[in-house]
Amino acid sequence: MSAEQFVDALFANAGVTPSASDRNAAINEFAFGATTNDPAARARVLRRVAENGTLAQQEFNRAFVLMQYFGYLRRNPNDAPESGLNFDGYNFWLNKLDSFNGDFVQAEMVKAFITSVEYRKRFGV
């Protein structure tokens, strides 16, 4: 696999379209080598992709909603009492947070979690 193919595959897997400079910087980690045999270079490229600003923006809201489930409800988003044991509740909150451009205060997310029956039952309320 060429350096270009490796870099393009990583960005594609991350769901990010890199800028030309980001892509070139990642490719240049291979010191203009034709292959990706250098494990240290592969690690540097992976780190560049993982630390990409666009990827961070894409993943922040997902992680924030997930942390609400872990922190307040102490469960996975698809665990009981989630009806259907699916991600409907998680997706609802993610869509709501996205619709408020990540502003959890305006989305009233934290308020909804801490006033939920499920959360309050933890404290006998």
Foldseek 3Di string as FASTA:
>chain_A
DFLLVLLVVLCVVLVHDDDPVLSVVLSCLVVPDGHDPDPVSSVVSNVSSVPDPVSCLVCVLLVVLQVLCCPQLVDGCQDPPPVVSDNPVSVVSSVLCVVVVNPCVVSCPNVCSCPDPSRVVVVVD
